């Protein structure tokens, strides 16, 4: 019987300015997901992988620190995902009990698409909560579906979600069903395929794709994030109304220019 190879936690730091480049590389190197955090002005990344995965990562990121993952690592992984509050909603993973007196968004991170605790997600939810929710919404680059589900909880309808990754669509549909909300999700590349029409669009992706997405939207209002404080996507035809910041990250509310 072949002995199961122990997992390793491969971690490294990168300058904040190189975050987008690192994420783009990790999407290929770690398709099952990775942790991302910030510490002392650096972006911190960690991947749970085997020997072969570590070798691949070292070829791209030489200065990594590796630790063998002890039995019970899943509990430590769960501790990484903590609930938060944003826009009047409780957002957290299923192993935490949501409060009875607050609308909740319960999201299983699955293959590390996230539970909504990241600052950019919270900023987007806060900005969405300021809008008239009795309109349609499209979530561009939906990941785990946390923003789609939060939008449905806030009253947006119908809600459509798109992502280039089929696994993200599976996660979004499963999480929406678990939360008892209606989200129409399907695979689409927002940079080349038609983006579904909606009154409001939300895009929590990297700053360069956001600028391209703004050019392709039919919406009249857009909430964008996925970039650092001091950065802002721009495209003719859109006027920034509000910028919100949290922990060094930023989100913007745009309206279409008259």
Protein backbone atom coordinates (compact mmCIF):
# COMPACT_ATOMS: atom_id res chain seq x y z
CA UNK A 1 0.00 0.00 0.00
CA UNK A 2 1.42 3.39 -1.01
CA UNK A 3 1.90 5.75 1.89
CA UNK A 4 0.15 9.06 1.43
CA UNK A 5 2.61 11.89 0.92
CA UNK A 6 2.45 14.51 3.67
CA UNK A 7 1.21 17.94 2.74
CA UNK A 8 3.49 20.93 2.96
CA UNK A 9 2.63 24.55 3.59
CA UNK A 10 4.75 26.61 1.22
CA UNK A 11 4.71 30.30 2.15
CA UNK A 12 6.44 33.40 0.86
CA UNK A 13 6.19 37.18 0.85
CA UNK A 14 6.07 39.63 -2.02
CA UNK A 15 5.97 43.42 -2.33
CA UNK A 16 2.42 44.76 -2.35
CA UNK A 17 3.11 46.32 -5.75
CA UNK A 18 3.71 42.84 -7.19
CA UNK A 19 0.52 41.30 -5.74
CA UNK A 20 -1.35 41.15 -9.05
CA UNK A 21 1.58 39.47 -10.81
CA UNK A 22 1.91 36.88 -8.03
CA UNK A 23 -1.82 36.08 -8.04
CA UNK A 24 -1.76 35.60 -11.81
CA UNK A 25 1.10 33.10 -11.42
CA UNK A 26 -0.58 31.26 -8.53
CA UNK A 27 -3.80 30.81 -10.47
CA UNK A 28 -1.81 28.42 -12.67
CA UNK A 29 0.57 27.01 -10.05
CA UNK A 30 -2.06 26.49 -7.33
CA UNK A 31 -5.44 25.95 -9.04
CA UNK A 32 -6.84 24.37 -5.87
CA UNK A 33 -6.40 27.68 -4.10
CA UNK A 34 -4.04 29.58 -1.86
CA UNK A 35 -4.06 31.77 1.23
CA UNK A 36 -3.41 35.49 0.95
CA UNK A 37 -2.78 37.93 3.78
CA UNK A 38 -0.81 41.09 4.49
CA UNK A 39 1.86 41.54 7.14
CA UNK A 40 4.28 44.40 7.79
CA UNK A 41 3.62 45.97 4.41
CA UNK A 42 4.12 42.74 2.46
CA UNK A 43 1.68 40.46 0.67
CA UNK A 44 1.88 36.99 2.25
CA UNK A 45 0.92 33.89 0.28
CA UNK A 46 0.70 30.23 1.29
CA UNK A 47 -0.06 27.10 -0.69
CA UNK A 48 -0.84 23.62 0.71
CA UNK A 49 0.79 21.13 -1.63
CA UNK A 50 2.99 18.05 -1.97
CA UNK A 51 6.68 17.65 -2.85
CA UNK A 52 6.08 18.09 -6.57
CA UNK A 53 4.02 21.21 -5.96
CA UNK A 54 6.69 22.65 -3.71
CA UNK A 55 9.32 22.05 -6.40
CA UNK A 56 7.22 23.93 -8.96
CA UNK A 57 6.68 26.83 -6.57
CA UNK A 58 10.39 27.06 -5.74
CA UNK A 59 11.21 27.37 -9.42
CA UNK A 60 9.12 30.55 -9.57
CA UNK A 61 9.45 31.85 -6.00
CA UNK A 62 12.91 30.87 -4.68
CA UNK A 63 12.55 32.43 -1.21
CA UNK A 64 9.83 30.22 0.22
CA UNK A 65 9.47 28.79 3.71
CA UNK A 66 8.15 25.23 3.91
CA UNK A 67 6.64 23.41 6.87
CA UNK A 68 5.22 19.91 6.95
CA UNK A 69 1.53 20.07 7.72
CA UNK A 70 0.72 18.11 10.86
CA UNK A 71 -2.40 15.94 11.21
CA UNK A 72 -5.41 18.10 11.97
CA UNK A 73 -4.27 20.89 9.64
CA UNK A 74 -7.86 21.25 8.44
CA UNK A 75 -8.77 22.77 11.79
CA UNK A 76 -6.02 25.35 11.38
CA UNK A 77 -7.27 26.07 7.87
CA UNK A 78 -10.71 26.64 9.29
CA UNK A 79 -9.34 29.05 11.85
CA UNK A 80 -7.98 31.09 8.95
CA UNK A 81 -11.57 31.73 7.75
CA UNK A 82 -13.34 33.87 10.35
CA UNK A 83 -16.76 35.55 10.06
CA UNK A 84 -17.09 39.29 9.46
CA UNK A 85 -19.86 41.86 9.24
CA UNK A 86 -20.42 44.17 6.29
CA UNK A 87 -23.39 46.11 4.94
CA UNK A 88 -25.54 44.92 7.82
CA UNK A 89 -24.86 41.27 6.98
CA UNK A 90 -23.00 38.51 8.84
CA UNK A 91 -20.68 36.73 6.41
CA UNK A 92 -18.84 33.57 7.37
CA UNK A 93 -18.10 29.87 6.78
CA UNK A 94 -20.52 27.08 7.76
CA UNK A 95 -18.52 25.96 10.79
CA UNK A 96 -19.44 29.21 12.57
CA UNK A 97 -22.99 29.73 13.85
CA UNK A 98 -24.55 32.90 12.40
CA UNK A 99 -26.42 35.16 14.81
CA UNK A 100 -30.20 34.89 14.73
CA UNK A 101 -30.82 38.64 14.62
CA UNK A 102 -28.70 39.51 11.54
CA UNK A 103 -29.17 38.43 7.90
CA UNK A 104 -26.42 35.97 7.09
CA UNK A 105 -24.33 34.86 4.13
CA UNK A 106 -22.86 31.43 4.83
CA UNK A 107 -20.17 30.51 2.33
CA UNK A 108 -18.05 27.40 2.18
CA UNK A 109 -14.68 28.42 0.70
CA UNK A 110 -14.37 25.06 -1.01
CA UNK A 111 -11.26 25.30 -3.16
CA UNK A 112 -10.17 28.54 -1.44
CA UNK A 113 -12.31 31.05 -3.31
CA UNK A 114 -12.89 32.78 0.02
CA UNK A 115 -15.65 33.26 2.55
CA UNK A 116 -15.94 37.04 2.32
CA UNK A 117 -13.53 38.03 5.08
CA UNK A 118 -11.11 39.80 2.74
CA UNK A 119 -11.18 43.58 3.00
CA UNK A 120 -12.12 44.05 -0.68
CA UNK A 121 -15.19 41.84 -0.30
CA UNK A 122 -16.32 43.70 2.80
CA UNK A 123 -15.83 47.04 1.06
CA UNK A 124 -17.94 45.91 -1.90
CA UNK A 125 -20.75 44.72 0.35
CA UNK A 126 -20.70 48.01 2.26
CA UNK A 127 -20.97 49.99 -0.99
CA UNK A 128 -23.74 47.76 -2.35
CA UNK A 129 -25.67 48.29 0.87
CA UNK A 130 -25.77 52.04 0.15
CA UNK A 131 -27.58 51.56 -3.16
CA UNK A 132 -31.23 51.10 -4.03
CA UNK A 133 -31.38 47.33 -4.06
CA UNK A 134 -34.62 46.94 -6.00
CA UNK A 135 -32.75 46.53 -9.30
CA UNK A 136 -30.82 43.85 -11.18
CA UNK A 137 -27.15 43.06 -10.54
CA UNK A 138 -24.32 41.21 -12.28
CA UNK A 139 -21.35 39.88 -10.32
CA UNK A 140 -18.33 39.83 -12.64
CA UNK A 141 -15.70 37.32 -11.49
CA UNK A 142 -17.91 35.78 -8.83
CA UNK A 143 -15.46 33.33 -7.20
CA UNK A 144 -17.32 31.62 -4.36
CA UNK A 145 -20.42 33.73 -5.02
CA UNK A 146 -20.22 35.67 -1.77
CA UNK A 147 -21.01 39.02 -3.42
CA UNK A 148 -23.86 37.53 -5.45
CA UNK A 149 -25.39 36.02 -2.33
CA UNK A 150 -24.86 39.20 -0.32
CA UNK A 151 -26.53 41.21 -3.11
CA UNK A 152 -29.52 38.86 -3.07
CA UNK A 153 -29.72 39.21 0.72
CA UNK A 154 -29.69 43.00 0.31
CA UNK A 155 -32.63 42.78 -2.10
CA UNK A 156 -31.08 42.96 -5.57
CA UNK A 157 -32.99 40.90 -8.12
CA UNK A 158 -32.36 39.24 -10.43
CA UNK A 159 -28.73 38.46 -9.65
CA UNK A 160 -26.48 37.01 -12.35
CA UNK A 161 -22.92 35.81 -11.71
CA UNK A 162 -20.18 35.04 -14.21
CA UNK A 163 -16.64 33.69 -13.89
CA UNK A 164 -14.11 32.25 -16.32
CA UNK A 165 -13.50 29.28 -13.98
CA UNK A 166 -16.13 26.47 -14.05
CA UNK A 167 -15.19 25.53 -10.47
CA UNK A 168 -16.16 29.04 -9.35
CA UNK A 169 -19.55 28.64 -10.99
CA UNK A 170 -20.07 25.30 -9.23
CA UNK A 171 -19.16 26.92 -5.91
CA UNK A 172 -21.44 29.91 -6.51
CA UNK A 173 -24.46 27.76 -7.39
CA UNK A 174 -23.87 25.45 -4.41
CA UNK A 175 -23.44 28.36 -1.98
CA UNK A 176 -26.49 30.17 -3.35
CA UNK A 177 -28.60 27.04 -2.91
CA UNK A 178 -27.29 26.56 0.63
CA UNK A 179 -28.31 30.13 1.45
CA UNK A 180 -31.72 29.79 -0.19
CA UNK A 181 -31.22 32.64 -2.65
CA UNK A 182 -31.64 32.76 -6.42
CA UNK A 183 -28.45 33.36 -8.42
CA UNK A 184 -28.11 32.61 -12.11
CA UNK A 185 -24.44 31.71 -12.62
CA UNK A 186 -22.62 30.62 -15.75
CA UNK A 187 -19.12 30.47 -17.23
CA UNK A 188 -18.05 33.54 -19.19
CA UNK A 189 -14.88 35.52 -19.80
CA UNK A 190 -15.69 39.13 -18.92
CA UNK A 191 -12.86 40.36 -21.15
CA UNK A 192 -14.18 38.74 -24.32
CA UNK A 193 -17.68 37.29 -23.84
CA UNK A 194 -20.81 39.45 -23.52
CA UNK A 195 -21.43 40.57 -19.95
CA UNK A 196 -25.08 40.07 -18.94
CA UNK A 197 -27.01 43.35 -18.80
CA UNK A 198 -27.94 44.66 -15.35
CA UNK A 199 -28.60 47.93 -13.56
CA UNK A 200 -25.67 47.44 -11.17
CA UNK A 201 -22.41 45.60 -11.69
CA UNK A 202 -19.90 44.52 -9.07
CA UNK A 203 -16.36 43.44 -9.97
CA UNK A 204 -13.91 42.47 -7.24
CA UNK A 205 -10.95 41.50 -9.39
CA UNK A 206 -7.55 43.03 -10.18
CA UNK A 207 -7.24 46.69 -11.11
CA UNK A 208 -6.31 46.18 -14.78
CA UNK A 209 -9.23 43.83 -15.57
CA UNK A 210 -11.62 46.17 -13.74
CA UNK A 211 -10.72 49.00 -16.12
CA UNK A 212 -11.39 46.73 -19.10
CA UNK A 213 -14.64 45.48 -17.57
CA UNK A 214 -15.92 49.03 -17.10
CA UNK A 215 -15.59 49.52 -20.84
CA UNK A 216 -17.82 46.50 -21.53
CA UNK A 217 -20.66 47.03 -19.03
CA UNK A 218 -24.20 48.10 -19.85
CA UNK A 219 -24.87 48.92 -16.19
CA UNK A 220 -25.39 52.48 -15.00
CA UNK A 221 -23.76 51.85 -11.60
CA UNK A 222 -20.63 49.86 -10.80
CA UNK A 223 -18.92 48.80 -7.58
CA UNK A 224 -15.30 47.77 -8.08
CA UNK A 225 -12.46 46.52 -5.90
CA UNK A 226 -9.52 44.14 -5.81
CA UNK A 227 -6.83 46.81 -5.70
CA UNK A 228 -4.83 48.85 -3.22
CA UNK A 229 -5.61 52.17 -1.61
CA UNK A 230 -4.39 54.88 -3.94
CA UNK A 231 -5.21 52.86 -7.07
CA UNK A 232 -8.35 53.42 -9.11
CA UNK A 233 -9.49 51.90 -12.39
CA UNK A 234 -10.60 54.46 -14.92
CA UNK A 235 -12.43 54.45 -18.19
CA UNK A 236 -14.16 57.21 -20.16
CA UNK A 237 -17.85 57.31 -19.47
CA UNK A 238 -17.65 56.56 -15.75
CA UNK A 239 -17.58 59.03 -12.86
CA UNK A 240 -16.26 58.01 -9.43
CA UNK A 241 -18.71 58.86 -6.65
CA UNK A 242 -17.27 57.25 -3.52
CA UNK A 243 -14.02 55.57 -2.54
CA UNK A 244 -13.93 53.37 0.56
CA UNK A 245 -10.77 51.95 2.12
CA UNK A 246 -9.97 49.23 4.64
CA UNK A 247 -6.62 47.77 5.71
CA UNK A 248 -4.81 49.32 2.76
CA UNK A 249 -7.36 48.13 0.17
CA UNK A 250 -9.82 50.24 -1.79
CA UNK A 251 -13.22 50.00 -3.46
CA UNK A 252 -15.02 52.50 -5.67
CA UNK A 253 -18.59 53.35 -6.56
CA UNK A 254 -18.96 54.58 -10.13
CA UNK A 255 -21.94 55.95 -12.03
CA UNK A 256 -22.16 56.31 -15.77
CA UNK A 257 -21.38 59.85 -16.86
CA UNK A 258 -24.22 61.90 -18.32
